[in-house]
């Protein structure tokens, strides 16, 4: 008699449910739920070589092609009394515009859904890489004047520590300088937390450290199920699901990033959680199914 583990049973059952039933309220990059709406916005794309996926097999890198176009999604949670932006896009600072000219599209994306920067009440930051916080400022001034900016205290301390701009690897120094300038310009809007904060209305931070020292993800209560906005836990629709142990060149703590990736994907598959990824193909929303090898991404 073949014994089936509880995890296999649960994952197989949830995969079948996910394939058979579309998430209620999902259409064209929006997800309506009890108490609000999630809107997936595009900040553009950027292109990187396949060698950014460290430890990928030759076959995996070959499947990616010579250059890989990566999406840059920003998510917004609209509720009756709050408009919460998860990250702020890359902005138009020198570091981004000189290297990634297809980024910085968030202002246009917000305008398309009739949301002005002044409407944003809260910005919750997954981590402080420039493509997630560059859009907090423009021309040296805050872009979102009425928003409280929530950042993990470990993350903020890491990026703003004195002397880091001089100690960082040479290729990172211009980015670190800009990140520190951004943090200084918006300092009066920042509130720090420990990575476990409950923001109310069904939105809660969770520690998913590894990609950066204070990387957060954010859980959103959809009523009958949960959504997890993952930030940069995965940076591929295929490789990081098929092989979570493949590294990413920008992971700050590689071993912890791999463990976090595997743990989050396992939980998403077990519990049938809807996931949202900053660098998955637009709109970046889907579910996770367990496979014999690892996982599979099922776009909504």
C-alpha atoms as a PDB file:
ATOM      1  CA  UNK A   1       0.000   0.000   0.000  1.00  0.00           C
ATOM      2  CA  UNK A   2       1.401   3.396  -1.021  1.00  0.00           C
ATOM      3  CA  UNK A   3       1.334   5.952   1.781  1.00  0.00           C
ATOM      4  CA  UNK A   4       0.621   9.560   0.822  1.00  0.00           C
ATOM      5  CA  UNK A   5       2.041  12.221   3.106  1.00  0.00           C
ATOM      6  CA  UNK A   6      -0.182  15.005   4.387  1.00  0.00           C
ATOM      7  CA  UNK A   7       1.946  17.589   2.546  1.00  0.00           C
ATOM      8  CA  UNK A   8       1.628  15.717  -0.771  1.00  0.00           C
ATOM      9  CA  UNK A   9      -2.118  15.360  -0.273  1.00  0.00           C
ATOM     10  CA  UNK A  10      -2.596  19.019   0.602  1.00  0.00           C
ATOM     11  CA  UNK A  11      -0.399  20.291  -2.233  1.00  0.00           C
ATOM     12  CA  UNK A  12      -2.059  18.028  -4.806  1.00  0.00           C
ATOM     13  CA  UNK A  13      -5.522  19.042  -3.629  1.00  0.00           C
ATOM     14  CA  UNK A  14      -4.752  22.751  -3.651  1.00  0.00           C
ATOM     15  CA  UNK A  15      -3.151  22.519  -7.077  1.00  0.00           C
ATOM     16  CA  UNK A  16      -6.332  20.987  -8.409  1.00  0.00           C
ATOM     17  CA  UNK A  17      -8.468  23.658  -6.793  1.00  0.00           C
ATOM     18  CA  UNK A  18      -6.211  26.431  -8.126  1.00  0.00           C
ATOM     19  CA  UNK A  19      -6.418  25.036 -11.642  1.00  0.00           C
ATOM     20  CA  UNK A  20     -10.178  24.672 -11.507  1.00  0.00           C
ATOM     21  CA  UNK A  21     -11.216  27.885  -9.770  1.00  0.00           C
ATOM     22  CA  UNK A  22      -9.957  31.333 -10.731  1.00  0.00           C
ATOM     23  CA  UNK A  23      -9.396  33.749  -7.867  1.00  0.00           C
ATOM     24  CA  UNK A  24     -12.650  35.688  -7.322  1.00  0.00           C
ATOM     25  CA  UNK A  25     -12.543  39.232  -8.581  1.00  0.00           C
ATOM     26  CA  UNK A  26      -9.334  38.921 -10.618  1.00  0.00           C
ATOM     27  CA  UNK A  27      -9.292  40.774 -13.925  1.00  0.00           C
ATOM     28  CA  UNK A  28      -6.705  42.702 -15.923  1.00  0.00           C
ATOM     29  CA  UNK A  29      -4.213  43.186 -13.133  1.00  0.00           C
ATOM     30  CA  UNK A  30      -6.692  43.879 -10.337  1.00  0.00           C
ATOM     31  CA  UNK A  31      -7.883  41.657  -7.523  1.00  0.00           C
ATOM     32  CA  UNK A  32     -11.046  42.658  -5.694  1.00  0.00           C
ATOM     33  CA  UNK A  33     -11.457  41.299  -2.171  1.00  0.00           C
ATOM     34  CA  UNK A  34     -13.534  41.955   0.927  1.00  0.00           C
ATOM     35  CA  UNK A  35     -12.553  45.428   2.020  1.00  0.00           C
ATOM     36  CA  UNK A  36     -10.488  46.569  -0.929  1.00  0.00           C
ATOM     37  CA  UNK A  37      -8.765  46.095  -4.251  1.00  0.00           C
ATOM     38  CA  UNK A  38      -5.235  45.092  -5.161  1.00  0.00           C
ATOM     39  CA  UNK A  39      -3.905  46.778  -8.298  1.00  0.00           C
ATOM     40  CA  UNK A  40      -0.795  45.489 -10.062  1.00  0.00           C
ATOM     41  CA  UNK A  41       1.151  48.341 -11.668  1.00  0.00           C
ATOM     42  CA  UNK A  42       4.139  48.195 -13.988  1.00  0.00           C
ATOM     43  CA  UNK A  43       7.249  50.275 -13.381  1.00  0.00           C
ATOM     44  CA  UNK A  44       8.698  48.979 -16.655  1.00  0.00           C
ATOM     45  CA  UNK A  45      11.296  46.300 -17.303  1.00  0.00           C
ATOM     46  CA  UNK A  46      15.046  45.812 -17.154  1.00  0.00           C
ATOM     47  CA  UNK A  47      17.408  43.462 -18.945  1.00  0.00           C
ATOM     48  CA  UNK A  48      20.137  41.332 -17.375  1.00  0.00           C
ATOM     49  CA  UNK A  49      22.398  38.465 -18.507  1.00  0.00           C
ATOM     50  CA  UNK A  50      21.486  34.879 -17.507  1.00  0.00           C
ATOM     51  CA  UNK A  51      24.654  34.681 -15.409  1.00  0.00           C
ATOM     52  CA  UNK A  52      22.791  36.708 -12.752  1.00  0.00           C
ATOM     53  CA  UNK A  53      21.192  33.412 -11.684  1.00  0.00           C
ATOM     54  CA  UNK A  54      24.105  31.938  -9.765  1.00  0.00           C
ATOM     55  CA  UNK A  55      24.442  28.186  -9.832  1.00  0.00           C
ATOM     56  CA  UNK A  56      21.900  27.681 -12.603  1.00  0.00           C
ATOM     57  CA  UNK A  57      22.671  24.762 -14.887  1.00  0.00           C
ATOM     58  CA  UNK A  58      23.813  25.343 -18.437  1.00  0.00           C
ATOM     59  CA  UNK A  59      20.401  24.178 -19.612  1.00  0.00           C
ATOM     60  CA  UNK A  60      18.616  26.608 -17.294  1.00  0.00           C
ATOM     61  CA  UNK A  61      20.753  29.529 -18.422  1.00  0.00           C
ATOM     62  CA  UNK A  62      20.375  28.540 -22.064  1.00  0.00           C
ATOM     63  CA  UNK A  63      16.600  28.495 -21.688  1.00  0.00           C
ATOM     64  CA  UNK A  64      16.728  32.084 -20.454  1.00  0.00           C
ATOM     65  CA  UNK A  65      18.500  33.289 -23.584  1.00  0.00           C
ATOM     66  CA  UNK A  66      21.418  35.664 -24.029  1.00  0.00           C
ATOM     67  CA  UNK A  67      19.614  38.536 -22.323  1.00  0.00           C
ATOM     68  CA  UNK A  68      16.676  38.256 -19.945  1.00  0.00           C
ATOM     69  CA  UNK A  69      13.931  40.838 -19.708  1.00  0.00           C
ATOM     70  CA  UNK A  70      12.709  41.088 -16.128  1.00  0.00           C
ATOM     71  CA  UNK A  71       9.465  42.733 -15.069  1.00  0.00           C
ATOM     72  CA  UNK A  72       9.233  45.438 -12.418  1.00  0.00           C
ATOM     73  CA  UNK A  73       5.840  45.272 -10.722  1.00  0.00           C
ATOM     74  CA  UNK A  74       4.568  47.561  -7.999  1.00  0.00           C
ATOM     75  CA  UNK A  75       1.429  46.673  -6.058  1.00  0.00           C
ATOM     76  CA  UNK A  76      -1.172  48.967  -4.576  1.00  0.00           C
ATOM     77  CA  UNK A  77      -3.833  48.095  -2.000  1.00  0.00           C
ATOM     78  CA  UNK A  78      -6.825  50.410  -2.150  1.00  0.00           C
ATOM     79  CA  UNK A  79      -9.120  50.405   0.873  1.00  0.00           C
ATOM     80  CA  UNK A  80     -11.908  52.684   2.037  1.00  0.00           C
ATOM     81  CA  UNK A  81      -9.677  54.958   4.096  1.00  0.00           C
ATOM     82  CA  UNK A  82      -6.167  54.071   2.912  1.00  0.00           C
ATOM     83  CA  UNK A  83      -4.205  53.758  -0.302  1.00  0.00           C
ATOM     84  CA  UNK A  84      -1.145  51.609   0.374  1.00  0.00           C
ATOM     85  CA  UNK A  85       1.708  51.398  -2.113  1.00  0.00           C
ATOM     86  CA  UNK A  86       4.041  48.427  -1.780  1.00  0.00           C
ATOM     87  CA  UNK A  87       7.404  49.892  -2.862  1.00  0.00           C
ATOM     88  CA  UNK A  88       7.776  53.036  -4.928  1.00  0.00           C
ATOM     89  CA  UNK A  89       9.424  51.993  -8.163  1.00  0.00           C
ATOM     90  CA  UNK A  90      12.833  52.944  -9.509  1.00  0.00           C
ATOM     91  CA  UNK A  91      12.338  56.632 -10.104  1.00  0.00           C
ATOM     92  CA  UNK A  92      14.477  58.699 -12.426  1.00  0.00           C
ATOM     93  CA  UNK A  93      17.730  59.108 -10.550  1.00  0.00           C
ATOM     94  CA  UNK A  94      21.083  58.942 -12.290  1.00  0.00           C
ATOM     95  CA  UNK A  95      21.869  55.355 -11.276  1.00  0.00           C
ATOM     96  CA  UNK A  96      18.649  54.033 -12.840  1.00  0.00           C
ATOM     97  CA  UNK A  97      18.472  56.216 -15.928  1.00  0.00           C
ATOM     98  CA  UNK A  98      22.089  55.527 -16.893  1.00  0.00           C
ATOM     99  CA  UNK A  99      21.709  51.753 -16.595  1.00  0.00           C
ATOM    100  CA  UNK A 100      18.041  50.793 -16.834  1.00  0.00           C
ATOM    101  CA  UNK A 101      16.265  53.232 -19.089  1.00  0.00           C
ATOM    102  CA  UNK A 102      13.070  51.175 -19.286  1.00  0.00           C
ATOM    103  CA  UNK A 103      12.332  51.583 -15.587  1.00  0.00           C
ATOM    104  CA  UNK A 104      10.643  54.493 -13.829  1.00  0.00           C
ATOM    105  CA  UNK A 105       7.150  54.073 -15.330  1.00  0.00           C
ATOM    106  CA  UNK A 106       5.219  54.038 -12.030  1.00  0.00           C
ATOM    107  CA  UNK A 107       4.007  57.686 -12.181  1.00  0.00           C
ATOM    108  CA  UNK A 108       2.352  57.001 -15.540  1.00  0.00           C
ATOM    109  CA  UNK A 109       0.890  53.736 -14.252  1.00  0.00           C
ATOM    110  CA  UNK A 110      -0.647  55.516 -11.254  1.00  0.00           C
ATOM    111  CA  UNK A 111      -2.120  58.183 -13.511  1.00  0.00           C
ATOM    112  CA  UNK A 112      -3.716  55.483 -15.664  1.00  0.00           C
ATOM    113  CA  UNK A 113      -5.717  54.260 -12.644  1.00  0.00           C
ATOM    114  CA  UNK A 114      -6.550  57.836 -11.571  1.00  0.00           C
ATOM    115  CA  UNK A 115      -4.392  57.853  -8.448  1.00  0.00           C
ATOM    116  CA  UNK A 116      -2.254  60.900  -7.709  1.00  0.00           C
ATOM    117  CA  UNK A 117       0.862  60.826  -5.510  1.00  0.00           C
ATOM    118  CA  UNK A 118      -1.034  62.884  -2.928  1.00  0.00           C
ATOM    119  CA  UNK A 119      -3.621  60.103  -2.599  1.00  0.00           C
ATOM    120  CA  UNK A 120      -1.082  57.614  -1.207  1.00  0.00           C
ATOM    121  CA  UNK A 121      -1.464  57.305   2.564  1.00  0.00           C
ATOM    122  CA  UNK A 122       1.155  54.615   3.221  1.00  0.00           C
ATOM    123  CA  UNK A 123       4.180  53.162   1.452  1.00  0.00           C
ATOM    124  CA  UNK A 124       5.435  49.842   2.796  1.00  0.00           C
ATOM    125  CA  UNK A 125       8.923  49.046   1.553  1.00  0.00           C
ATOM    126  CA  UNK A 126       9.962  45.447   0.908  1.00  0.00           C
ATOM    127  CA  UNK A 127      13.638  46.453   0.783  1.00  0.00           C
ATOM    128  CA  UNK A 128      15.810  49.395  -0.167  1.00  0.00           C
ATOM    129  CA  UNK A 129      17.351  48.407  -3.485  1.00  0.00           C
ATOM    130  CA  UNK A 130      17.121  51.413  -5.773  1.00  0.00           C
ATOM    131  CA  UNK A 131      14.462  49.877  -8.043  1.00  0.00           C
ATOM    132  CA  UNK A 132      12.139  49.753  -5.023  1.00  0.00           C
ATOM    133  CA  UNK A 133      12.806  53.128  -3.368  1.00  0.00           C
ATOM    134  CA  UNK A 134      14.148  55.372  -6.148  1.00  0.00           C
ATOM    135  CA  UNK A 135      10.630  56.572  -6.898  1.00  0.00           C
ATOM    136  CA  UNK A 136      10.228  58.059  -3.426  1.00  0.00           C
ATOM    137  CA  UNK A 137      11.825  61.273  -4.681  1.00  0.00           C
ATOM    138  CA  UNK A 138      11.967  63.352  -7.860  1.00  0.00           C
ATOM    139  CA  UNK A 139      14.170  66.386  -8.437  1.00  0.00           C
ATOM    140  CA  UNK A 140      15.378  66.130  -4.873  1.00  0.00           C
ATOM    141  CA  UNK A 141      11.914  66.298  -3.287  1.00  0.00           C
ATOM    142  CA  UNK A 142       9.476  63.723  -1.869  1.00  0.00           C
ATOM    143  CA  UNK A 143       7.003  62.428  -4.451  1.00  0.00           C
ATOM    144  CA  UNK A 144       4.318  61.251  -1.996  1.00  0.00           C
ATOM    145  CA  UNK A 145       3.813  64.168   0.390  1.00  0.00           C
ATOM    146  CA  UNK A 146       1.019  62.633   2.479  1.00  0.00           C
ATOM    147  CA  UNK A 147       2.419  59.122   2.830  1.00  0.00           C
ATOM    148  CA  UNK A 148       3.946  57.484   5.862  1.00  0.00           C
ATOM    149  CA  UNK A 149       6.869  55.346   4.647  1.00  0.00           C
ATOM    150  CA  UNK A 150       7.235  52.089   6.588  1.00  0.00           C
ATOM    151  CA  UNK A 151      10.669  50.408   6.514  1.00  0.00           C
ATOM    152  CA  UNK A 152      12.108  47.508   8.501  1.00  0.00           C
ATOM    153  CA  UNK A 153      14.507  48.973  11.056  1.00  0.00           C
ATOM    154  CA  UNK A 154      17.210  46.442  10.155  1.00  0.00           C
ATOM    155  CA  UNK A 155      16.938  47.372   6.484  1.00  0.00           C
ATOM    156  CA  UNK A 156      17.108  51.102   7.083  1.00  0.00           C
ATOM    157  CA  UNK A 157      20.078  50.771   9.437  1.00  0.00           C
ATOM    158  CA  UNK A 158      21.979  48.621   6.944  1.00  0.00           C
ATOM    159  CA  UNK A 159      21.671  51.014   4.009  1.00  0.00           C
ATOM    160  CA  UNK A 160      22.117  54.276   5.891  1.00  0.00           C
ATOM    161  CA  UNK A 161      25.011  53.363   8.154  1.00  0.00           C
ATOM    162  CA  UNK A 162      27.884  55.815   8.195  1.00  0.00           C
ATOM    163  CA  UNK A 163      30.777  54.942   5.911  1.00  0.00           C
ATOM    164  CA  UNK A 164      28.855  52.349   3.877  1.00  0.00           C
ATOM    165  CA  UNK A 165      29.140  54.333   0.653  1.00  0.00           C
ATOM    166  CA  UNK A 166      32.926  54.211   0.937  1.00  0.00           C
ATOM    167  CA  UNK A 167      33.106  50.573   2.090  1.00  0.00           C
ATOM    168  CA  UNK A 168      30.694  49.097  -0.472  1.00  0.00           C
ATOM    169  CA  UNK A 169      32.021  47.305  -3.580  1.00  0.00           C
ATOM    170  CA  UNK A 170      32.934  49.867  -6.211  1.00  0.00           C
ATOM    171  CA  UNK A 171      30.069  48.928  -8.528  1.00  0.00           C
ATOM    172  CA  UNK A 172      27.545  49.441  -5.738  1.00  0.00           C
ATOM    173  CA  UNK A 173      28.783  52.779  -4.463  1.00  0.00           C
ATOM    174  CA  UNK A 174      26.735  55.052  -6.755  1.00  0.00           C
ATOM    175  CA  UNK A 175      23.583  53.138  -5.787  1.00  0.00           C
ATOM    176  CA  UNK A 176      24.374  53.326  -2.080  1.00  0.00           C
ATOM    177  CA  UNK A 177      24.985  57.077  -2.340  1.00  0.00           C
ATOM    178  CA  UNK A 178      21.587  57.575  -4.001  1.00  0.00           C
ATOM    179  CA  UNK A 179      19.795  55.339  -1.496  1.00  0.00           C
ATOM    180  CA  UNK A 180      21.275  57.336   1.374  1.00  0.00           C
ATOM    181  CA  UNK A 181      20.281  60.606  -0.272  1.00  0.00           C
ATOM    182  CA  UNK A 182      16.724  59.323  -0.725  1.00  0.00           C
ATOM    183  CA  UNK A 183      16.510  58.200   2.898  1.00  0.00           C
ATOM    184  CA  UNK A 184      17.670  61.619   4.066  1.00  0.00           C
ATOM    185  CA  UNK A 185      15.175  63.494   1.884  1.00  0.00           C
ATOM    186  CA  UNK A 186      12.174  61.458   3.138  1.00  0.00           C
ATOM    187  CA  UNK A 187      13.416  60.926   6.717  1.00  0.00           C
ATOM    188  CA  UNK A 188      10.538  62.892   8.268  1.00  0.00           C
ATOM    189  CA  UNK A 189       8.048  60.517   6.619  1.00  0.00           C
ATOM    190  CA  UNK A 190       9.723  57.271   7.721  1.00  0.00           C
ATOM    191  CA  UNK A 191       8.430  55.009  10.461  1.00  0.00           C
ATOM    192  CA  UNK A 192      10.466  51.911  11.240  1.00  0.00           C
ATOM    193  CA  UNK A 193       9.213  48.531  12.446  1.00  0.00           C
ATOM    194  CA  UNK A 194      10.662  45.118  13.276  1.00  0.00           C
ATOM    195  CA  UNK A 195       9.363  43.229  10.239  1.00  0.00           C
ATOM    196  CA  UNK A 196       6.312  41.802  11.991  1.00  0.00           C
ATOM    197  CA  UNK A 197       4.088  44.875  12.120  1.00  0.00           C
ATOM    198  CA  UNK A 198       0.329  44.618  11.712  1.00  0.00           C
ATOM    199  CA  UNK A 199      -0.706  47.667   9.694  1.00  0.00           C
ATOM    200  CA  UNK A 200      -4.407  47.008  10.257  1.00  0.00           C
ATOM    201  CA  UNK A 201      -7.130  46.343   7.704  1.00  0.00           C
ATOM    202  CA  UNK A 202      -5.673  42.911   7.026  1.00  0.00           C
ATOM    203  CA  UNK A 203      -2.155  44.024   5.992  1.00  0.00           C
ATOM    204  CA  UNK A 204       0.814  42.633   7.916  1.00  0.00           C
ATOM    205  CA  UNK A 205       4.599  42.631   7.452  1.00  0.00           C
ATOM    206  CA  UNK A 206       6.549  39.393   7.649  1.00  0.00           C
ATOM    207  CA  UNK A 207      10.311  38.949   7.891  1.00  0.00           C
ATOM    208  CA  UNK A 208      11.725  37.354   4.748  1.00  0.00           C
ATOM    209  CA  UNK A 209      15.361  38.254   5.251  1.00  0.00           C
ATOM    210  CA  UNK A 210      18.136  37.149   2.910  1.00  0.00           C
ATOM    211  CA  UNK A 211      17.807  39.075  -0.336  1.00  0.00           C
ATOM    212  CA  UNK A 212      18.741  42.015   1.858  1.00  0.00           C
ATOM    213  CA  UNK A 213      19.306  42.024   5.640  1.00  0.00           C
ATOM    214  CA  UNK A 214      15.855  43.487   6.348  1.00  0.00           C
ATOM    215  CA  UNK A 215      13.784  42.288   3.379  1.00  0.00           C
ATOM    216  CA  UNK A 216      10.057  42.085   4.153  1.00  0.00           C
ATOM    217  CA  UNK A 217       7.063  40.538   2.465  1.00  0.00           C
ATOM    218  CA  UNK A 218       3.502  41.638   3.134  1.00  0.00           C
ATOM    219  CA  UNK A 219       0.470  39.489   3.773  1.00  0.00           C
ATOM    220  CA  UNK A 220      -2.963  40.772   2.762  1.00  0.00           C
ATOM    221  CA  UNK A 221      -6.126  39.129   4.089  1.00  0.00           C
ATOM    222  CA  UNK A 222      -8.436  38.551   1.118  1.00  0.00           C
ATOM    223  CA  UNK A 223     -11.259  37.203   3.227  1.00  0.00           C
ATOM    224  CA  UNK A 224     -11.359  33.520   2.328  1.00  0.00           C
ATOM    225  CA  UNK A 225      -7.659  33.338   1.489  1.00  0.00           C
ATOM    226  CA  UNK A 226      -4.383  35.220   1.706  1.00  0.00           C
ATOM    227  CA  UNK A 227      -2.143  37.129  -0.650  1.00  0.00           C
ATOM    228  CA  UNK A 228       1.609  37.353  -0.087  1.00  0.00           C
ATOM    229  CA  UNK A 229       3.439  40.233  -1.770  1.00  0.00           C
ATOM    230  CA  UNK A 230       6.921  38.729  -1.920  1.00  0.00           C
ATOM    231  CA  UNK A 231       9.225  41.484  -3.064  1.00  0.00           C
ATOM    232  CA  UNK A 232      12.383  39.911  -4.515  1.00  0.00           C
ATOM    233  CA  UNK A 233      12.190  36.412  -3.047  1.00  0.00           C
ATOM    234  CA  UNK A 234      11.964  35.067  -6.600  1.00  0.00           C
ATOM    235  CA  UNK A 235      13.380  36.699  -9.729  1.00  0.00           C
ATOM    236  CA  UNK A 236      12.271  34.304 -12.437  1.00  0.00           C
ATOM    237  CA  UNK A 237       9.006  32.715 -13.558  1.00  0.00           C
ATOM    238  CA  UNK A 238      10.801  29.416 -14.044  1.00  0.00           C
ATOM    239  CA  UNK A 239      14.242  28.976 -12.484  1.00  0.00           C
ATOM    240  CA  UNK A 240      13.494  30.048  -8.922  1.00  0.00           C
ATOM    241  CA  UNK A 241      10.401  27.841  -8.802  1.00  0.00           C
ATOM    242  CA  UNK A 242      11.998  24.823 -10.481  1.00  0.00           C
ATOM    243  CA  UNK A 243      15.186  25.204  -8.453  1.00  0.00           C
ATOM    244  CA  UNK A 244      14.890  27.488  -5.396  1.00  0.00           C
ATOM    245  CA  UNK A 245      18.531  26.840  -4.525  1.00  0.00           C
ATOM    246  CA  UNK A 246      19.729  28.797  -7.543  1.00  0.00           C
ATOM    247  CA  UNK A 247      21.127  32.071  -6.282  1.00  0.00           C
ATOM    248  CA  UNK A 248      20.546  35.600  -7.508  1.00  0.00           C
ATOM    249  CA  UNK A 249      23.528  37.882  -7.922  1.00  0.00           C
ATOM    250  CA  UNK A 250      21.956  40.644  -5.820  1.00  0.00           C
ATOM    251  CA  UNK A 251      21.109  38.432  -2.847  1.00  0.00           C
ATOM    252  CA  UNK A 252      22.943  39.996   0.079  1.00  0.00           C
ATOM    253  CA  UNK A 253      22.926  36.892   2.298  1.00  0.00           C
ATOM    254  CA  UNK A 254      22.828  34.057  -0.270  1.00  0.00           C
ATOM    255  CA  UNK A 255      22.279  31.037   2.006  1.00  0.00           C
ATOM    256  CA  UNK A 256      19.523  32.789   3.929  1.00  0.00           C
ATOM    257  CA  UNK A 257      17.923  33.995   0.687  1.00  0.00           C
ATOM    258  CA  UNK A 258      17.765  30.402  -0.605  1.00  0.00           C
ATOM    259  CA  UNK A 259      16.278  29.100   2.643  1.00  0.00           C
ATOM    260  CA  UNK A 260      13.703  31.901   2.682  1.00  0.00           C
ATOM    261  CA  UNK A 261      12.795  31.260  -0.960  1.00  0.00           C
ATOM    262  CA  UNK A 262      12.240  27.562  -0.389  1.00  0.00           C
ATOM    263  CA  UNK A 263      10.275  28.162   2.803  1.00  0.00           C
ATOM    264  CA  UNK A 264       7.990  30.805   1.318  1.00  0.00           C
ATOM    265  CA  UNK A 265       7.261  28.813  -1.836  1.00  0.00           C
ATOM    266  CA  UNK A 266       6.581  25.707   0.231  1.00  0.00           C
ATOM    267  CA  UNK A 267       4.126  27.574   2.424  1.00  0.00           C
ATOM    268  CA  UNK A 268       2.429  29.166  -0.589  1.00  0.00           C
ATOM    269  CA  UNK A 269       1.966  25.744  -2.175  1.00  0.00           C
ATOM    270  CA  UNK A 270       0.775  24.108   1.061  1.00  0.00           C
ATOM    271  CA  UNK A 271      -1.741  26.801   1.921  1.00  0.00           C
ATOM    272  CA  UNK A 272      -2.870  27.836  -1.574  1.00  0.00           C
ATOM    273  CA  UNK A 273      -1.741  31.412  -1.020  1.00  0.00           C
ATOM    274  CA  UNK A 274      -1.925  33.877  -3.910  1.00  0.00           C
ATOM    275  CA  UNK A 275       1.524  35.356  -4.501  1.00  0.00           C
ATOM    276  CA  UNK A 276       2.636  38.638  -5.999  1.00  0.00           C
ATOM    277  CA  UNK A 277       6.219  39.040  -7.185  1.00  0.00           C
ATOM    278  CA  UNK A 278       8.026  42.245  -8.037  1.00  0.00           C
ATOM    279  CA  UNK A 279       9.963  40.615 -10.875  1.00  0.00           C
ATOM    280  CA  UNK A 280       7.539  38.055 -12.248  1.00  0.00           C
ATOM    281  CA  UNK A 281       5.995  38.563 -15.661  1.00  0.00           C
ATOM    282  CA  UNK A 282       3.369  41.322 -15.588  1.00  0.00           C
ATOM    283  CA  UNK A 283       1.073  41.480 -13.633  1.00  0.00           C
ATOM    284  CA  UNK A 284       3.108  39.173 -11.393  1.00  0.00           C
ATOM    285  CA  UNK A 285       0.201  37.418  -9.651  1.00  0.00           C
ATOM    286  CA  UNK A 286      -0.308  33.689  -9.346  1.00  0.00           C
ATOM    287  CA  UNK A 287      -0.187  30.564  -7.221  1.00  0.00           C
ATOM    288  CA  UNK A 288       2.461  27.973  -6.443  1.00  0.00           C
ATOM    289  CA  UNK A 289       2.120  24.249  -7.078  1.00  0.00           C
ATOM    290  CA  UNK A 290       4.456  21.607  -5.710  1.00  0.00           C
ATOM    291  CA  UNK A 291       6.076  19.270  -8.231  1.00  0.00           C
ATOM    292  CA  UNK A 292       8.190  16.130  -7.932  1.00  0.00           C
ATOM    293  CA  UNK A 293      11.287  18.322  -8.173  1.00  0.00           C
ATOM    294  CA  UNK A 294      10.336  21.621  -6.515  1.00  0.00           C
ATOM    295  CA  UNK A 295       7.584  24.076  -7.515  1.00  0.00           C
ATOM    296  CA  UNK A 296       5.715  25.555 -10.449  1.00  0.00           C
ATOM    297  CA  UNK A 297       4.336  29.071 -10.906  1.00  0.00           C
ATOM    298  CA  UNK A 298       0.700  29.243 -12.022  1.00  0.00           C
ATOM    299  CA  UNK A 299      -0.067  32.787 -13.247  1.00  0.00           C
ATOM    300  CA  UNK A 300      -3.562  34.098 -12.580  1.00  0.00           C
END
